[in-house]
Amino acid sequence: MTALQIIELFAGTNPDGEPVVERLQVRVNEDNSCQLVRSPAFIKGIASGDTIKVNKEDQQFELVKRSGNLAIRVFCRGNSTALSDQLTPQLEKLGGELDMETPRLLVYSIHVSCGFDKIEQILNSACDGANSVWYYGNVYDPNDGQTPLNWWQDILKPE
């Protein structure tokens, strides 16, 4: 088993226009591609288990292979503990994992084969839209936030 390493990827700019990087734990493969250990909080388009190639100069990345996991980000106005206590067991029953928990943010990874409807039902029952909201991190085009990427269609195709 390869040791885990930390990489830094460009995650966007803050309100002052300064670049923001997110540090991610990865397993580095023999070809120098990296497999994500957890879904990122801020970088869009990738999830836990995905394999990426990183350009060290600009901290941008290229997706090599998808794992089939959805990245789900839950943002909270108040403390996220109660929400985590409610969501985590339900998502874990489906095989999901809590990748990150901070006082105002939860990040989950769950395989797309669990079904969007089932996953969204759990999230919508816990998040009220005012004090907590959730978003997929790798379902929509990072540029417009609306166009589905549709990468899951091949994974969900019947054999």
Protein backbone atom coordinates (compact mmCIF):
# COMPACT_ATOMS: atom_id res chain seq x y z
CA MET A 1 0.00 0.00 0.00
CA THR A 2 1.40 3.39 -0.94
CA ALA A 3 1.73 5.97 1.80
CA LEU A 4 -0.71 8.85 1.82
CA GLN A 5 0.54 12.20 0.63
CA ILE A 6 -0.89 15.71 0.67
CA ILE A 7 -1.34 17.65 -2.55
CA GLU A 8 -2.55 21.22 -2.99
CA LEU A 9 -5.04 22.10 -5.70
CA PHE A 10 -6.35 25.49 -6.80
CA ALA A 11 -9.86 25.86 -5.38
CA GLY A 12 -10.74 29.34 -6.68
CA THR A 13 -10.29 32.86 -5.36
CA ASN A 14 -11.45 34.44 -2.12
CA PRO A 15 -13.51 37.70 -1.99
CA ASP A 16 -10.25 39.70 -2.11
CA GLY A 17 -9.27 37.94 -5.34
CA GLU A 18 -6.46 35.94 -3.74
CA PRO A 19 -5.99 32.32 -4.80
CA VAL A 20 -7.28 29.64 -2.45
CA VAL A 21 -5.78 26.15 -2.38
CA GLU A 22 -7.30 23.06 -0.84
CA ARG A 23 -5.07 20.40 0.64
CA LEU A 24 -6.14 16.86 -0.20
CA GLN A 25 -4.94 13.47 0.98
CA VAL A 26 -4.06 11.18 -1.92
CA ARG A 27 -2.39 7.90 -2.79
CA VAL A 28 0.21 8.54 -5.49
CA ASN A 29 0.25 5.85 -8.19
CA GLU A 30 3.30 4.61 -10.09
CA ASP A 31 2.47 6.84 -13.07
CA ASN A 32 2.33 9.89 -10.72
CA SER A 33 -1.44 10.10 -10.96
CA CYS A 34 -3.19 10.56 -7.60
CA GLN A 35 -6.20 8.78 -6.13
CA LEU A 36 -8.28 10.92 -3.76
CA VAL A 37 -8.78 9.48 -0.28
CA ARG A 38 -11.66 11.86 0.55
CA SER A 39 -13.99 14.13 -1.38
CA PRO A 40 -12.86 17.77 -1.42
CA ALA A 41 -14.81 20.52 0.31
CA PHE A 42 -14.34 23.25 -2.29
CA ILE A 43 -12.89 21.80 -5.48
CA LYS A 44 -15.68 20.94 -7.87
CA GLY A 45 -15.86 18.02 -10.28
CA ILE A 46 -14.07 15.31 -8.28
CA ALA A 47 -14.84 12.90 -5.42
CA SER A 48 -13.27 10.32 -3.17
CA GLY A 49 -11.65 7.49 -5.12
CA ASP A 50 -11.25 9.49 -8.34
CA THR A 51 -7.85 9.43 -10.03
CA ILE A 52 -6.38 12.75 -11.17
CA LYS A 53 -3.15 14.06 -12.70
CA VAL A 54 -1.88 17.27 -11.12
CA ASN A 55 -0.02 20.04 -12.90
CA LYS A 56 2.40 21.12 -10.16
CA GLU A 57 2.98 24.55 -11.75
CA ASP A 58 -0.56 25.90 -11.56
CA GLN A 59 -2.15 23.40 -9.14
CA GLN A 60 -4.79 22.55 -11.73
CA PHE A 61 -5.76 18.93 -12.35
CA GLU A 62 -7.00 16.63 -15.06
CA LEU A 63 -9.47 13.86 -14.25
CA VAL A 64 -8.11 10.45 -15.27
CA LYS A 65 -10.75 8.05 -13.93
CA ARG A 66 -13.94 8.39 -11.90
CA SER A 67 -14.63 6.11 -8.94
CA GLY A 68 -18.41 6.41 -9.23
CA ASN A 69 -18.64 8.31 -5.95
CA LEU A 70 -20.72 11.42 -5.50
CA ALA A 71 -19.23 14.25 -3.44
CA ILE A 72 -21.85 15.87 -1.20
CA ARG A 73 -21.19 19.10 0.67
CA VAL A 74 -23.48 20.25 3.49
CA PHE A 75 -23.06 23.84 4.70
CA CYS A 76 -24.46 24.88 8.10
CA ARG A 77 -25.18 28.29 9.63
CA GLY A 78 -24.77 26.92 13.15
CA ASN A 79 -22.88 23.94 14.51
CA SER A 80 -23.01 20.91 12.23
CA THR A 81 -22.96 18.27 15.01
CA ALA A 82 -26.73 17.68 15.22
CA LEU A 83 -26.98 17.53 11.44
CA SER A 84 -24.07 15.07 11.28
CA ASP A 85 -25.73 12.92 13.96
CA GLN A 86 -28.87 12.80 11.81
CA LEU A 87 -27.29 12.39 8.34
CA THR A 88 -24.23 10.23 8.91
CA PRO A 89 -25.95 7.01 10.08
CA GLN A 90 -28.49 7.18 7.23
CA LEU A 91 -25.83 7.73 4.55
CA GLU A 92 -23.53 5.10 6.10
CA LYS A 93 -26.37 2.55 5.81
CA LEU A 94 -26.17 3.12 2.04
CA GLY A 95 -22.38 2.73 2.09
CA GLY A 96 -21.62 6.44 2.27
CA GLU A 97 -18.78 7.95 4.28
CA LEU A 98 -18.35 11.16 6.22
CA ASP A 99 -15.10 12.51 4.76
CA MET A 100 -14.86 15.78 6.66
CA GLU A 101 -16.61 17.43 9.57
CA THR A 102 -16.00 21.00 10.68
CA PRO A 103 -18.33 23.22 12.75
CA ARG A 104 -20.03 24.55 9.59
CA LEU A 105 -19.31 21.95 6.91
CA LEU A 106 -19.88 18.24 6.31
CA VAL A 107 -18.47 16.41 3.28
CA TYR A 108 -19.75 12.96 2.31
CA SER A 109 -18.86 10.46 -0.39
CA ILE A 110 -21.42 7.93 -1.55
CA HIS A 111 -21.56 5.71 -4.63
CA VAL A 112 -23.92 6.88 -7.36
CA SER A 113 -25.49 3.40 -7.56
CA CYS A 114 -27.30 4.15 -4.27
CA GLY A 115 -29.60 6.34 -6.37
CA PHE A 116 -30.02 10.09 -6.56
CA ASP A 117 -33.63 9.89 -5.28
CA LYS A 118 -32.72 7.97 -2.14
CA ILE A 119 -29.70 10.18 -1.39
CA GLU A 120 -31.61 13.42 -1.99
CA GLN A 121 -34.53 12.24 0.16
CA ILE A 122 -32.15 11.77 3.12
CA LEU A 123 -30.43 15.13 2.55
CA ASN A 124 -33.68 17.05 2.03
CA SER A 125 -35.21 15.55 5.19
CA ALA A 126 -32.28 16.88 7.26
CA CYS A 127 -31.41 20.20 5.56
CA ASP A 128 -33.99 22.97 5.86
CA GLY A 129 -32.49 25.34 3.27
CA ALA A 130 -32.30 28.20 5.79
CA ASN A 131 -29.86 26.90 8.41
CA SER A 132 -28.36 24.17 6.28
CA VAL A 133 -28.04 23.51 2.55
CA TRP A 134 -26.42 20.71 0.58
CA TYR A 135 -24.81 20.55 -2.86
CA TYR A 136 -23.28 17.90 -5.03
CA GLY A 137 -19.60 18.60 -5.63
CA ASN A 138 -19.21 16.61 -8.84
CA VAL A 139 -22.60 16.39 -10.56
CA TYR A 140 -22.81 19.74 -12.35
CA ASP A 141 -20.43 21.58 -14.67
CA PRO A 142 -18.11 23.61 -12.41
CA ASN A 143 -18.36 26.58 -14.80
CA ASP A 144 -22.13 27.08 -14.77
CA GLY A 145 -23.20 24.97 -11.78
CA GLN A 146 -26.27 23.74 -13.67
CA THR A 147 -25.35 21.49 -16.59
CA PRO A 148 -25.26 17.85 -15.45
CA LEU A 149 -21.92 16.20 -16.19
CA ASN A 150 -23.69 12.84 -16.80
CA TRP A 151 -20.55 10.81 -15.99
CA TRP A 152 -22.72 8.37 -14.01
CA GLN A 153 -24.70 7.15 -17.02
CA ASP A 154 -22.05 4.63 -18.05
CA ILE A 155 -21.71 3.41 -14.45
CA LEU A 156 -25.46 2.93 -14.03
CA LYS A 157 -26.03 1.26 -17.42
CA PRO A 158 -27.40 -2.27 -17.06
CA GLU A 159 -24.79 -4.88 -18.02
